[in-house]
Amino acid sequence: MSDSTLPTGVRWAAAFFAASGLVDAGLALAEIPRPVAFWPAWQALGSALLHWLLAGGLLRRFALCRSLAMIYCLAVLVTYTVVLAFALGRAPVAFPPSVVVASLLQVPSCALLLPYLRSPEAALTLRRPLL
């Protein structure tokens, strides 16, 4: 992320997805019962890898990654807003603490990131074809 020609919006978007992958992996690994089972740890790292690949694709300015980031932000806004409403409203549904913490990070971040990803500036900046 040290390329000085990268626009600020691209840097922030890539930083969000990199940090989101790190937080998701950390929270998922923290919830795994001890002794650590192989499959949940592998699943947590795989989920983080997808975030990191998206961050890398945004840094390389792939148009497909912009589309995937917009879809991700829309899904996060809908899903985690409902989760937060249930959790804060004390609904009789049990949510793991990691889901609540991740939603508190991702809802505001995606709410700020989505307008940039939809902007004409992002469409011009993130237009490189994947292949």
C-alpha atoms as a PDB file:
ATOM      1  CA  MET A   1       0.000   0.000   0.000  1.00  0.00           C
ATOM      2  CA  SER A   2       2.971   2.315  -0.314  1.00  0.00           C
ATOM      3  CA  ASP A   3       2.247   3.327  -3.924  1.00  0.00           C
ATOM      4  CA  SER A   4       1.936   7.126  -3.857  1.00  0.00           C
ATOM      5  CA  THR A   5      -0.176   7.162  -7.042  1.00  0.00           C
ATOM      6  CA  LEU A   6      -3.051   5.319  -5.393  1.00  0.00           C
ATOM      7  CA  PRO A   7      -6.068   7.510  -4.676  1.00  0.00           C
ATOM      8  CA  THR A   8      -7.025   7.890  -1.029  1.00  0.00           C
ATOM      9  CA  GLY A   9     -10.353   6.102  -1.536  1.00  0.00           C
ATOM     10  CA  VAL A  10      -8.637   3.012  -2.917  1.00  0.00           C
ATOM     11  CA  ARG A  11      -6.239   2.972   0.023  1.00  0.00           C
ATOM     12  CA  TRP A  12      -9.077   3.256   2.544  1.00  0.00           C
ATOM     13  CA  ALA A  13     -11.121   0.551   0.811  1.00  0.00           C
ATOM     14  CA  ALA A  14      -8.183  -1.860   0.709  1.00  0.00           C
ATOM     15  CA  ALA A  15      -7.273  -1.055   4.311  1.00  0.00           C
ATOM     16  CA  PHE A  16     -10.848  -1.749   5.402  1.00  0.00           C
ATOM     17  CA  PHE A  17     -10.925  -5.166   3.760  1.00  0.00           C
ATOM     18  CA  ALA A  18      -7.472  -6.086   5.082  1.00  0.00           C
ATOM     19  CA  ALA A  19      -8.421  -5.033   8.618  1.00  0.00           C
ATOM     20  CA  SER A  20     -11.813  -6.705   8.336  1.00  0.00           C
ATOM     21  CA  GLY A  21     -10.148  -9.992   7.419  1.00  0.00           C
ATOM     22  CA  LEU A  22      -7.783  -9.676  10.342  1.00  0.00           C
ATOM     23  CA  VAL A  23     -10.585  -8.886  12.806  1.00  0.00           C
ATOM     24  CA  ASP A  24     -12.838 -11.663  11.482  1.00  0.00           C
ATOM     25  CA  ALA A  25     -10.050 -14.224  11.718  1.00  0.00           C
ATOM     26  CA  GLY A  26      -9.040 -13.072  15.182  1.00  0.00           C
ATOM     27  CA  LEU A  27     -12.593 -13.162  16.523  1.00  0.00           C
ATOM     28  CA  ALA A  28     -13.335 -16.539  14.942  1.00  0.00           C
ATOM     29  CA  LEU A  29     -10.100 -18.049  16.266  1.00  0.00           C
ATOM     30  CA  ALA A  30     -10.816 -16.643  19.740  1.00  0.00           C
ATOM     31  CA  GLU A  31     -14.194 -18.423  19.823  1.00  0.00           C
ATOM     32  CA  ILE A  32     -12.861 -21.848  18.866  1.00  0.00           C
ATOM     33  CA  PRO A  33     -13.106 -24.193  21.859  1.00  0.00           C
ATOM     34  CA  ARG A  34      -9.844 -25.504  23.224  1.00  0.00           C
ATOM     35  CA  PRO A  35      -8.099 -27.685  22.161  1.00  0.00           C
ATOM     36  CA  VAL A  36      -8.216 -25.986  18.778  1.00  0.00           C
ATOM     37  CA  ALA A  37     -10.113 -27.984  16.211  1.00  0.00           C
ATOM     38  CA  PHE A  38      -8.688 -28.070  12.707  1.00  0.00           C
ATOM     39  CA  TRP A  39     -11.792 -27.297  10.652  1.00  0.00           C
ATOM     40  CA  PRO A  40     -13.016 -24.113  12.435  1.00  0.00           C
ATOM     41  CA  ALA A  41      -9.486 -22.692  12.397  1.00  0.00           C
ATOM     42  CA  TRP A  42      -9.143 -23.457   8.705  1.00  0.00           C
ATOM     43  CA  GLN A  43     -12.548 -21.890   8.008  1.00  0.00           C
ATOM     44  CA  ALA A  44     -11.595 -18.705   9.911  1.00  0.00           C
ATOM     45  CA  LEU A  45      -8.354 -18.337   7.977  1.00  0.00           C
ATOM     46  CA  GLY A  46     -10.116 -19.040   4.678  1.00  0.00           C
ATOM     47  CA  SER A  47     -12.647 -16.313   5.361  1.00  0.00           C
ATOM     48  CA  ALA A  48      -9.841 -13.886   6.165  1.00  0.00           C
ATOM     49  CA  LEU A  49      -8.035 -14.895   2.979  1.00  0.00           C
ATOM     50  CA  LEU A  50     -11.064 -13.886   0.916  1.00  0.00           C
ATOM     51  CA  HIS A  51     -11.028 -10.442   2.539  1.00  0.00           C
ATOM     52  CA  TRP A  52      -7.306 -10.105   1.860  1.00  0.00           C
ATOM     53  CA  LEU A  53      -7.689 -11.162  -1.787  1.00  0.00           C
ATOM     54  CA  LEU A  54     -10.375  -8.520  -2.198  1.00  0.00           C
ATOM     55  CA  ALA A  55      -8.090  -5.916  -0.600  1.00  0.00           C
ATOM     56  CA  GLY A  56      -5.271  -6.930  -2.938  1.00  0.00           C
ATOM     57  CA  GLY A  57      -7.572  -6.748  -5.944  1.00  0.00           C
ATOM     58  CA  LEU A  58      -8.650  -3.255  -4.968  1.00  0.00           C
ATOM     59  CA  LEU A  59      -5.019  -2.197  -4.647  1.00  0.00           C
ATOM     60  CA  ARG A  60      -4.397  -3.528  -8.149  1.00  0.00           C
ATOM     61  CA  ARG A  61      -7.532  -1.613  -9.264  1.00  0.00           C
ATOM     62  CA  PHE A  62      -9.522  -4.552 -10.634  1.00  0.00           C
ATOM     63  CA  ALA A  63     -13.051  -3.604 -11.673  1.00  0.00           C
ATOM     64  CA  LEU A  64     -14.379  -7.000 -10.550  1.00  0.00           C
ATOM     65  CA  CYS A  65     -13.106  -6.344  -7.028  1.00  0.00           C
ATOM     66  CA  ARG A  66     -14.964  -3.022  -6.962  1.00  0.00           C
ATOM     67  CA  SER A  67     -18.183  -4.849  -7.856  1.00  0.00           C
ATOM     68  CA  LEU A  68     -17.555  -7.534  -5.242  1.00  0.00           C
ATOM     69  CA  ALA A  69     -16.769  -4.870  -2.633  1.00  0.00           C
ATOM     70  CA  MET A  70     -20.072  -3.086  -3.384  1.00  0.00           C
ATOM     71  CA  ILE A  71     -22.002  -6.349  -3.066  1.00  0.00           C
ATOM     72  CA  TYR A  72     -20.177  -7.150   0.169  1.00  0.00           C
ATOM     73  CA  CYS A  73     -20.959  -3.723   1.638  1.00  0.00           C
ATOM     74  CA  LEU A  74     -24.644  -3.990   0.709  1.00  0.00           C
ATOM     75  CA  ALA A  75     -24.873  -7.454   2.252  1.00  0.00           C
ATOM     76  CA  VAL A  76     -23.086  -6.307   5.408  1.00  0.00           C
ATOM     77  CA  LEU A  77     -25.341  -3.295   5.806  1.00  0.00           C
ATOM     78  CA  VAL A  78     -28.489  -5.377   5.578  1.00  0.00           C
ATOM     79  CA  THR A  79     -27.346  -8.433   7.524  1.00  0.00           C
ATOM     80  CA  TYR A  80     -25.389  -6.833  10.339  1.00  0.00           C
ATOM     81  CA  THR A  81     -27.931  -4.049  10.842  1.00  0.00           C
ATOM     82  CA  VAL A  82     -30.541  -6.718  11.533  1.00  0.00           C
ATOM     83  CA  VAL A  83     -28.115  -8.562  13.817  1.00  0.00           C
ATOM     84  CA  LEU A  84     -27.368  -5.373  15.737  1.00  0.00           C
ATOM     85  CA  ALA A  85     -31.054  -4.561  16.031  1.00  0.00           C
ATOM     86  CA  PHE A  86     -31.738  -8.023  17.446  1.00  0.00           C
ATOM     87  CA  ALA A  87     -28.743  -7.968  19.778  1.00  0.00           C
ATOM     88  CA  LEU A  88     -29.352  -4.464  21.103  1.00  0.00           C
ATOM     89  CA  GLY A  89     -33.107  -5.097  21.339  1.00  0.00           C
ATOM     90  CA  ARG A  90     -32.410  -8.173  23.485  1.00  0.00           C
ATOM     91  CA  ALA A  91     -34.170 -10.538  21.126  1.00  0.00           C
ATOM     92  CA  PRO A  92     -34.377 -14.159  22.310  1.00  0.00           C
ATOM     93  CA  VAL A  93     -31.706 -15.150  19.804  1.00  0.00           C
ATOM     94  CA  ALA A  94     -28.171 -15.969  20.894  1.00  0.00           C
ATOM     95  CA  PHE A  95     -25.460 -14.271  18.859  1.00  0.00           C
ATOM     96  CA  PRO A  96     -21.794 -15.005  19.485  1.00  0.00           C
ATOM     97  CA  PRO A  97     -19.898 -11.962  20.746  1.00  0.00           C
ATOM     98  CA  SER A  98     -17.743 -12.050  17.614  1.00  0.00           C
ATOM     99  CA  VAL A  99     -20.778 -11.360  15.417  1.00  0.00           C
ATOM    100  CA  VAL A 100     -21.759  -8.317  17.468  1.00  0.00           C
ATOM    101  CA  VAL A 101     -18.197  -6.951  17.553  1.00  0.00           C
ATOM    102  CA  ALA A 102     -17.697  -7.528  13.822  1.00  0.00           C
ATOM    103  CA  SER A 103     -20.999  -5.816  13.055  1.00  0.00           C
ATOM    104  CA  LEU A 104     -20.025  -2.797  15.148  1.00  0.00           C
ATOM    105  CA  LEU A 105     -16.885  -2.479  13.000  1.00  0.00           C
ATOM    106  CA  GLN A 106     -18.343  -3.284   9.611  1.00  0.00           C
ATOM    107  CA  VAL A 107     -21.680  -1.455   9.547  1.00  0.00           C
ATOM    108  CA  PRO A 108     -20.240   2.066   9.912  1.00  0.00           C
ATOM    109  CA  SER A 109     -17.262   1.234   7.699  1.00  0.00           C
ATOM    110  CA  CYS A 110     -19.416  -0.116   4.885  1.00  0.00           C
ATOM    111  CA  ALA A 111     -21.831   2.801   5.242  1.00  0.00           C
ATOM    112  CA  LEU A 112     -18.899   5.142   4.592  1.00  0.00           C
ATOM    113  CA  LEU A 113     -17.241   2.976   1.937  1.00  0.00           C
ATOM    114  CA  LEU A 114     -20.274   2.222  -0.236  1.00  0.00           C
ATOM    115  CA  PRO A 115     -20.819   5.791  -1.523  1.00  0.00           C
ATOM    116  CA  TYR A 116     -17.180   5.928  -2.639  1.00  0.00           C
ATOM    117  CA  LEU A 117     -17.392   2.553  -4.393  1.00  0.00           C
ATOM    118  CA  ARG A 118     -20.495   3.725  -6.261  1.00  0.00           C
ATOM    119  CA  SER A 119     -18.964   7.088  -7.244  1.00  0.00           C
ATOM    120  CA  PRO A 120     -17.808   8.000 -10.767  1.00  0.00           C
ATOM    121  CA  GLU A 121     -14.301   8.542  -9.344  1.00  0.00           C
ATOM    122  CA  ALA A 122     -14.137   4.906  -8.231  1.00  0.00           C
ATOM    123  CA  ALA A 123     -15.513   3.758 -11.579  1.00  0.00           C
ATOM    124  CA  LEU A 124     -12.654   5.556 -13.333  1.00  0.00           C
ATOM    125  CA  THR A 125     -10.004   4.496 -10.836  1.00  0.00           C
ATOM    126  CA  LEU A 126     -10.997   0.843 -10.446  1.00  0.00           C
ATOM    127  CA  ARG A 127     -11.507  -0.130 -14.084  1.00  0.00           C
ATOM    128  CA  ARG A 128      -8.708  -2.559 -14.814  1.00  0.00           C
ATOM    129  CA  PRO A 129      -9.971  -5.884 -16.238  1.00  0.00           C
ATOM    130  CA  LEU A 130      -9.211  -9.027 -14.291  1.00  0.00           C
ATOM    131  CA  LEU A 131      -7.703 -10.913 -17.221  1.00  0.00           C
END
